[in-house]
Amino acid sequence: MLAHGAVLLRSGIFTDAQVSAIARDYRHAGLEPAEVAMMAFAEQVTARANTVTREDIEGCAATDSPTPRSWTSR
């Protein structure tokens, strides 16, 4: 398990089964829509940062995900 998964387990936010499901495919792991949107955005940023658009950032902000205000104020 990766460090982030271990942190989630220690925090009690997710169970071991949930962390495993998220690692396999976060889109089908029972996450809230805002959580799935944030995971998809994080995946895009890490894998294809050059493709991130203002619409991607604003889309994340519209989902009640914890998007920093500074991302959308520019």
PDB file of N, CA and C in Angstrom:
ATOM      1  N   MET A   1       0.831  -1.167   0.000  1.00  0.00           N
ATOM      2  CA  MET A   1       0.000   0.000   0.000  1.00  0.00           C
ATOM      3  C   MET A   1       0.888   1.247   0.000  1.00  0.00           C
ATOM      4  N   LEU A   2       0.427   2.238  -0.704  1.00  0.00           N
ATOM      5  CA  LEU A   2       1.173   3.489  -0.773  1.00  0.00           C
ATOM      6  C   LEU A   2       0.978   4.304   0.495  1.00  0.00           C
ATOM      7  N   ALA A   3       1.834   5.275   0.676  1.00  0.00           N
ATOM      8  CA  ALA A   3       1.807   6.104   1.887  1.00  0.00           C
ATOM      9  C   ALA A   3       0.453   6.768   2.102  1.00  0.00           C
ATOM     10  N   HIS A   4      -0.159   7.274   1.027  1.00  0.00           N
ATOM     11  CA  HIS A   4      -1.452   7.951   1.191  1.00  0.00           C
ATOM     12  C   HIS A   4      -2.512   6.990   1.710  1.00  0.00           C
ATOM     13  N   GLY A   5      -2.490   5.761   1.242  1.00  0.00           N
ATOM     14  CA  GLY A   5      -3.441   4.761   1.724  1.00  0.00           C
ATOM     15  C   GLY A   5      -3.241   4.466   3.193  1.00  0.00           C
ATOM     16  N   ALA A   6      -1.988   4.386   3.607  1.00  0.00           N
ATOM     17  CA  ALA A   6      -1.690   4.139   5.022  1.00  0.00           C
ATOM     18  C   ALA A   6      -2.178   5.291   5.893  1.00  0.00           C
ATOM     19  N   VAL A   7      -2.042   6.523   5.394  1.00  0.00           N
ATOM     20  CA  VAL A   7      -2.518   7.689   6.141  1.00  0.00           C
ATOM     21  C   VAL A   7      -4.033   7.625   6.288  1.00  0.00           C
ATOM     22  N   LEU A   8      -4.729   7.270   5.217  1.00  0.00           N
ATOM     23  CA  LEU A   8      -6.186   7.164   5.289  1.00  0.00           C
ATOM     24  C   LEU A   8      -6.612   6.106   6.299  1.00  0.00           C
ATOM     25  N   LEU A   9      -5.909   4.989   6.315  1.00  0.00           N
ATOM     26  CA  LEU A   9      -6.239   3.934   7.273  1.00  0.00           C
ATOM     27  C   LEU A   9      -6.022   4.407   8.710  1.00  0.00           C
ATOM     28  N   ARG A  10      -4.889   5.022   8.971  1.00  0.00           N
ATOM     29  CA  ARG A  10      -4.595   5.501  10.325  1.00  0.00           C
ATOM     30  C   ARG A  10      -5.586   6.557  10.783  1.00  0.00           C
ATOM     31  N   SER A  11      -6.075   7.353   9.862  1.00  0.00           N
ATOM     32  CA  SER A  11      -6.993   8.432  10.224  1.00  0.00           C
ATOM     33  C   SER A  11      -8.389   7.909  10.542  1.00  0.00           C
ATOM     34  N   GLY A  12      -8.692   6.707  10.074  1.00  0.00           N
ATOM     35  CA  GLY A  12     -10.019   6.149  10.298  1.00  0.00           C
ATOM     36  C   GLY A  12     -11.062   6.658   9.327  1.00  0.00           C
ATOM     37  N   ILE A  13     -10.651   7.433   8.341  1.00  0.00           N
ATOM     38  CA  ILE A  13     -11.594   7.956   7.352  1.00  0.00           C
ATOM     39  C   ILE A  13     -12.165   6.829   6.501  1.00  0.00           C
ATOM     40  N   PHE A  14     -11.309   5.901   6.110  1.00  0.00           N
ATOM     41  CA  PHE A  14     -11.727   4.766   5.292  1.00  0.00           C
ATOM     42  C   PHE A  14     -11.253   3.468   5.935  1.00  0.00           C
ATOM     43  N   THR A  15     -11.970   2.384   5.634  1.00  0.00           N
ATOM     44  CA  THR A  15     -11.559   1.061   6.092  1.00  0.00           C
ATOM     45  C   THR A  15     -10.527   0.492   5.127  1.00  0.00           C
ATOM     46  N   ASP A  16      -9.924  -0.611   5.510  1.00  0.00           N
ATOM     47  CA  ASP A  16      -8.959  -1.283   4.642  1.00  0.00           C
ATOM     48  C   ASP A  16      -9.614  -1.670   3.318  1.00  0.00           C
ATOM     49  N   ALA A  17     -10.824  -2.182   3.375  1.00  0.00           N
ATOM     50  CA  ALA A  17     -11.536  -2.579   2.147  1.00  0.00           C
ATOM     51  C   ALA A  17     -11.800  -1.377   1.252  1.00  0.00           C
ATOM     52  N   GLN A  18     -12.161  -0.247   1.848  1.00  0.00           N
ATOM     53  CA  GLN A  18     -12.419   0.948   1.057  1.00  0.00           C
ATOM     54  C   GLN A  18     -11.144   1.473   0.404  1.00  0.00           C
ATOM     55  N   VAL A  19     -10.050   1.483   1.148  1.00  0.00           N
ATOM     56  CA  VAL A  19      -8.779   1.950   0.586  1.00  0.00           C
ATOM     57  C   VAL A  19      -8.362   1.043  -0.566  1.00  0.00           C
ATOM     58  N   SER A  20      -8.539  -0.257  -0.406  1.00  0.00           N
ATOM     59  CA  SER A  20      -8.205  -1.199  -1.485  1.00  0.00           C
ATOM     60  C   SER A  20      -9.074  -0.948  -2.705  1.00  0.00           C
ATOM     61  N   ALA A  21     -10.363  -0.700  -2.498  1.00  0.00           N
ATOM     62  CA  ALA A  21     -11.273  -0.426  -3.618  1.00  0.00           C
ATOM     63  C   ALA A  21     -10.886   0.865  -4.331  1.00  0.00           C
ATOM     64  N   ILE A  22     -10.501   1.881  -3.569  1.00  0.00           N
ATOM     65  CA  ILE A  22     -10.074   3.152  -4.157  1.00  0.00           C
ATOM     66  C   ILE A  22      -8.810   2.943  -4.988  1.00  0.00           C
ATOM     67  N   ALA A  23      -7.884   2.164  -4.475  1.00  0.00           N
ATOM     68  CA  ALA A  23      -6.636   1.901  -5.201  1.00  0.00           C
ATOM     69  C   ALA A  23      -6.898   1.127  -6.490  1.00  0.00           C
ATOM     70  N   ARG A  24      -7.865   0.207  -6.462  1.00  0.00           N
ATOM     71  CA  ARG A  24      -8.179  -0.566  -7.674  1.00  0.00           C
ATOM     72  C   ARG A  24      -8.835   0.311  -8.727  1.00  0.00           C
ATOM     73  N   ASP A  25      -9.876   1.050  -8.334  1.00  0.00           N
ATOM     74  CA  ASP A  25     -10.589   1.919  -9.275  1.00  0.00           C
ATOM     75  C   ASP A  25     -11.469   2.879  -8.484  1.00  0.00           C
ATOM     76  N   TYR A  26     -10.965   4.075  -8.260  1.00  0.00           N
ATOM     77  CA  TYR A  26     -11.684   5.038  -7.439  1.00  0.00           C
ATOM     78  C   TYR A  26     -13.055   5.376  -7.993  1.00  0.00           C
ATOM     79  N   ARG A  27     -13.241   5.211  -9.300  1.00  0.00           N
ATOM     80  CA  ARG A  27     -14.533   5.542  -9.908  1.00  0.00           C
ATOM     81  C   ARG A  27     -15.653   4.600  -9.465  1.00  0.00           C
ATOM     82  N   HIS A  28     -15.277   3.413  -9.035  1.00  0.00           N
ATOM     83  CA  HIS A  28     -16.259   2.403  -8.626  1.00  0.00           C
ATOM     84  C   HIS A  28     -16.009   1.944  -7.193  1.00  0.00           C
ATOM     85  N   ALA A  29     -15.585   2.868  -6.340  1.00  0.00           N
ATOM     86  CA  ALA A  29     -15.227   2.512  -4.961  1.00  0.00           C
ATOM     87  C   ALA A  29     -16.239   3.033  -3.945  1.00  0.00           C
ATOM     88  N   GLY A  30     -17.369   3.532  -4.405  1.00  0.00           N
ATOM     89  CA  GLY A  30     -18.377   4.023  -3.484  1.00  0.00           C
ATOM     90  C   GLY A  30     -18.107   5.396  -2.917  1.00  0.00           C
ATOM     91  N   LEU A  31     -17.261   6.153  -3.585  1.00  0.00           N
ATOM     92  CA  LEU A  31     -16.956   7.515  -3.130  1.00  0.00           C
ATOM     93  C   LEU A  31     -18.088   8.465  -3.505  1.00  0.00           C
ATOM     94  N   GLU A  32     -18.139   9.584  -2.817  1.00  0.00           N
ATOM     95  CA  GLU A  32     -19.092  10.637  -3.148  1.00  0.00           C
ATOM     96  C   GLU A  32     -18.690  11.260  -4.489  1.00  0.00           C
ATOM     97  N   PRO A  33     -19.649  11.816  -5.247  1.00  0.00           N
ATOM     98  CA  PRO A  33     -19.312  12.431  -6.529  1.00  0.00           C
ATOM     99  C   PRO A  33     -18.194  13.466  -6.442  1.00  0.00           C
ATOM    100  N   ALA A  34     -18.184  14.277  -5.402  1.00  0.00           N
ATOM    101  CA  ALA A  34     -17.120  15.283  -5.253  1.00  0.00           C
ATOM    102  C   ALA A  34     -15.765  14.619  -5.050  1.00  0.00           C
ATOM    103  N   GLU A  35     -15.738  13.487  -4.335  1.00  0.00           N
ATOM    104  CA  GLU A  35     -14.481  12.771  -4.114  1.00  0.00           C
ATOM    105  C   GLU A  35     -13.971  12.168  -5.419  1.00  0.00           C
ATOM    106  N   VAL A  36     -14.887  11.624  -6.219  1.00  0.00           N
ATOM    107  CA  VAL A  36     -14.498  11.062  -7.519  1.00  0.00           C
ATOM    108  C   VAL A  36     -13.963  12.169  -8.426  1.00  0.00           C
ATOM    109  N   ALA A  37     -14.620  13.321  -8.415  1.00  0.00           N
ATOM    110  CA  ALA A  37     -14.162  14.456  -9.238  1.00  0.00           C
ATOM    111  C   ALA A  37     -12.766  14.900  -8.827  1.00  0.00           C
ATOM    112  N   MET A  38     -12.515  14.964  -7.522  1.00  0.00           N
ATOM    113  CA  MET A  38     -11.193  15.383  -7.053  1.00  0.00           C
ATOM    114  C   MET A  38     -10.135  14.354  -7.430  1.00  0.00           C
ATOM    115  N   MET A  39     -10.473  13.066  -7.315  1.00  0.00           N
ATOM    116  CA  MET A  39      -9.521  12.015  -7.688  1.00  0.00           C
ATOM    117  C   MET A  39      -9.216  12.082  -9.195  1.00  0.00           C
ATOM    118  N   ALA A  40     -10.241  12.314 -10.002  1.00  0.00           N
ATOM    119  CA  ALA A  40     -10.036  12.420 -11.448  1.00  0.00           C
ATOM    120  C   ALA A  40      -9.165  13.624 -11.777  1.00  0.00           C
ATOM    121  N   PHE A  41      -9.403  14.728 -11.081  1.00  0.00           N
ATOM    122  CA  PHE A  41      -8.590  15.924 -11.288  1.00  0.00           C
ATOM    123  C   PHE A  41      -7.149  15.667 -10.876  1.00  0.00           C
ATOM    124  N   ALA A  42      -6.951  15.037  -9.743  1.00  0.00           N
ATOM    125  CA  ALA A  42      -5.592  14.726  -9.280  1.00  0.00           C
ATOM    126  C   ALA A  42      -4.885  13.809 -10.272  1.00  0.00           C
ATOM    127  N   GLU A  43      -5.625  12.842 -10.809  1.00  0.00           N
ATOM    128  CA  GLU A  43      -5.044  11.950 -11.814  1.00  0.00           C
ATOM    129  C   GLU A  43      -4.625  12.735 -13.053  1.00  0.00           C
ATOM    130  N   GLN A  44      -5.480  13.651 -13.492  1.00  0.00           N
ATOM    131  CA  GLN A  44      -5.154  14.464 -14.660  1.00  0.00           C
ATOM    132  C   GLN A  44      -3.925  15.335 -14.396  1.00  0.00           C
ATOM    133  N   VAL A  45      -3.873  15.955 -13.232  1.00  0.00           N
ATOM    134  CA  VAL A  45      -2.748  16.831 -12.902  1.00  0.00           C
ATOM    135  C   VAL A  45      -1.435  16.054 -12.865  1.00  0.00           C
ATOM    136  N   THR A  46      -1.460  14.847 -12.303  1.00  0.00           N
ATOM    137  CA  THR A  46      -0.218  14.084 -12.180  1.00  0.00           C
ATOM    138  C   THR A  46       0.185  13.406 -13.476  1.00  0.00           C
ATOM    139  N   ALA A  47      -0.777  12.993 -14.282  1.00  0.00           N
ATOM    140  CA  ALA A  47      -0.450  12.250 -15.502  1.00  0.00           C
ATOM    141  C   ALA A  47      -0.356  13.133 -16.747  1.00  0.00           C
ATOM    142  N   ARG A  48      -1.165  14.210 -16.770  1.00  0.00           N
ATOM    143  CA  ARG A  48      -1.239  15.044 -17.974  1.00  0.00           C
ATOM    144  C   ARG A  48      -1.437  16.506 -17.595  1.00  0.00           C
ATOM    145  N   ALA A  49      -0.549  17.035 -16.791  1.00  0.00           N
ATOM    146  CA  ALA A  49      -0.698  18.403 -16.280  1.00  0.00           C
ATOM    147  C   ALA A  49      -0.864  19.427 -17.401  1.00  0.00           C
ATOM    148  N   ASN A  50      -0.241  19.180 -18.517  1.00  0.00           N
ATOM    149  CA  ASN A  50      -0.315  20.134 -19.633  1.00  0.00           C
ATOM    150  C   ASN A  50      -1.706  20.204 -20.259  1.00  0.00           C
ATOM    151  N   THR A  51      -2.603  19.299 -19.880  1.00  0.00           N
ATOM    152  CA  THR A  51      -3.953  19.314 -20.452  1.00  0.00           C
ATOM    153  C   THR A  51      -4.979  19.981 -19.537  1.00  0.00           C
ATOM    154  N   VAL A  52      -4.580  20.385 -18.329  1.00  0.00           N
ATOM    155  CA  VAL A  52      -5.520  20.980 -17.378  1.00  0.00           C
ATOM    156  C   VAL A  52      -5.965  22.345 -17.887  1.00  0.00           C
ATOM    157  N   THR A  53      -7.272  22.535 -17.909  1.00  0.00           N
ATOM    158  CA  THR A  53      -7.843  23.799 -18.377  1.00  0.00           C
ATOM    159  C   THR A  53      -8.560  24.509 -17.228  1.00  0.00           C
ATOM    160  N   ARG A  54      -8.900  25.738 -17.454  1.00  0.00           N
ATOM    161  CA  ARG A  54      -9.692  26.497 -16.477  1.00  0.00           C
ATOM    162  C   ARG A  54     -11.003  25.761 -16.202  1.00  0.00           C
ATOM    163  N   GLU A  55     -11.592  25.175 -17.227  1.00  0.00           N
ATOM    164  CA  GLU A  55     -12.844  24.441 -17.056  1.00  0.00           C
ATOM    165  C   GLU A  55     -12.663  23.245 -16.121  1.00  0.00           C
ATOM    166  N   ASP A  56     -11.516  22.581 -16.194  1.00  0.00           N
ATOM    167  CA  ASP A  56     -11.239  21.460 -15.281  1.00  0.00           C
ATOM    168  C   ASP A  56     -11.207  21.954 -13.839  1.00  0.00           C
ATOM    169  N   ILE A  57     -10.535  23.067 -13.624  1.00  0.00           N
ATOM    170  CA  ILE A  57     -10.420  23.635 -12.278  1.00  0.00           C
ATOM    171  C   ILE A  57     -11.786  24.096 -11.782  1.00  0.00           C
ATOM    172  N   GLU A  58     -12.512  24.790 -12.629  1.00  0.00           N
ATOM    173  CA  GLU A  58     -13.834  25.273 -12.240  1.00  0.00           C
ATOM    174  C   GLU A  58     -14.791  24.108 -12.016  1.00  0.00           C
ATOM    175  N   GLY A  59     -14.637  23.029 -12.783  1.00  0.00           N
ATOM    176  CA  GLY A  59     -15.462  21.842 -12.592  1.00  0.00           C
ATOM    177  C   GLY A  59     -15.246  21.234 -11.225  1.00  0.00           C
ATOM    178  N   CYS A  60     -14.017  21.211 -10.780  1.00  0.00           N
ATOM    179  CA  CYS A  60     -13.704  20.710  -9.439  1.00  0.00           C
ATOM    180  C   CYS A  60     -14.315  21.624  -8.392  1.00  0.00           C
ATOM    181  N   ALA A  61     -14.206  22.899  -8.585  1.00  0.00           N
ATOM    182  CA  ALA A  61     -14.742  23.852  -7.616  1.00  0.00           C
ATOM    183  C   ALA A  61     -16.255  23.739  -7.503  1.00  0.00           C
ATOM    184  N   ALA A  62     -16.921  23.357  -8.573  1.00  0.00           N
ATOM    185  CA  ALA A  62     -18.383  23.265  -8.585  1.00  0.00           C
ATOM    186  C   ALA A  62     -18.913  22.013  -7.892  1.00  0.00           C
ATOM    187  N   THR A  63     -18.042  21.101  -7.487  1.00  0.00           N
ATOM    188  CA  THR A  63     -18.496  19.834  -6.912  1.00  0.00           C
ATOM    189  C   THR A  63     -18.489  19.799  -5.399  1.00  0.00           C
ATOM    190  N   ASP A  64     -18.243  20.904  -4.749  1.00  0.00           N
ATOM    191  CA  ASP A  64     -18.108  20.948  -3.291  1.00  0.00           C
ATOM    192  C   ASP A  64     -16.837  20.259  -2.817  1.00  0.00           C
ATOM    193  N   SER A  65     -15.907  19.992  -3.731  1.00  0.00           N
ATOM    194  CA  SER A  65     -14.630  19.410  -3.326  1.00  0.00           C
ATOM    195  C   SER A  65     -13.788  20.512  -2.694  1.00  0.00           C
ATOM    196  N   PRO A  66     -12.806  20.143  -1.904  1.00  0.00           N
ATOM    197  CA  PRO A  66     -12.010  21.159  -1.194  1.00  0.00           C
ATOM    198  C   PRO A  66     -10.996  21.841  -2.091  1.00  0.00           C
ATOM    199  N   THR A  67     -11.474  22.555  -3.099  1.00  0.00           N
ATOM    200  CA  THR A  67     -10.590  23.251  -4.030  1.00  0.00           C
ATOM    201  C   THR A  67     -10.167  24.583  -3.422  1.00  0.00           C
ATOM    202  N   PRO A  68      -8.893  24.817  -3.308  1.00  0.00           N
ATOM    203  CA  PRO A  68      -8.452  26.108  -2.767  1.00  0.00           C
ATOM    204  C   PRO A  68      -8.973  27.270  -3.598  1.00  0.00           C
ATOM    205  N   ARG A  69      -9.433  28.313  -2.923  1.00  0.00           N
ATOM    206  CA  ARG A  69      -9.977  29.494  -3.603  1.00  0.00           C
ATOM    207  C   ARG A  69      -8.968  30.063  -4.593  1.00  0.00           C
ATOM    208  N   SER A  70      -7.680  29.988  -4.263  1.00  0.00           N
ATOM    209  CA  SER A  70      -6.658  30.568  -5.125  1.00  0.00           C
ATOM    210  C   SER A  70      -6.619  29.908  -6.492  1.00  0.00           C
ATOM    211  N   TRP A  71      -7.122  28.669  -6.606  1.00  0.00           N
ATOM    212  CA  TRP A  71      -7.130  28.011  -7.908  1.00  0.00           C
ATOM    213  C   TRP A  71      -8.091  28.677  -8.867  1.00  0.00           C
ATOM    214  N   THR A  72      -9.168  29.212  -8.351  1.00  0.00           N
ATOM    215  CA  THR A  72     -10.211  29.751  -9.228  1.00  0.00           C
ATOM    216  C   THR A  72     -10.258  31.264  -9.237  1.00  0.00           C
ATOM    217  N   SER A  73      -9.403  31.935  -8.503  1.00  0.00           N
ATOM    218  CA  SER A  73      -9.477  33.385  -8.428  1.00  0.00           C
ATOM    219  C   SER A  73      -8.573  34.080  -9.420  1.00  0.00           C
ATOM    220  N   ARG A  74      -7.938  33.342 -10.287  1.00  0.00           N
ATOM    221  CA  ARG A  74      -7.026  33.966 -11.247  1.00  0.00           C
ATOM    222  C   ARG A  74      -7.668  34.144 -12.587  1.00  0.00           C
TER     223      ARG A  74
END
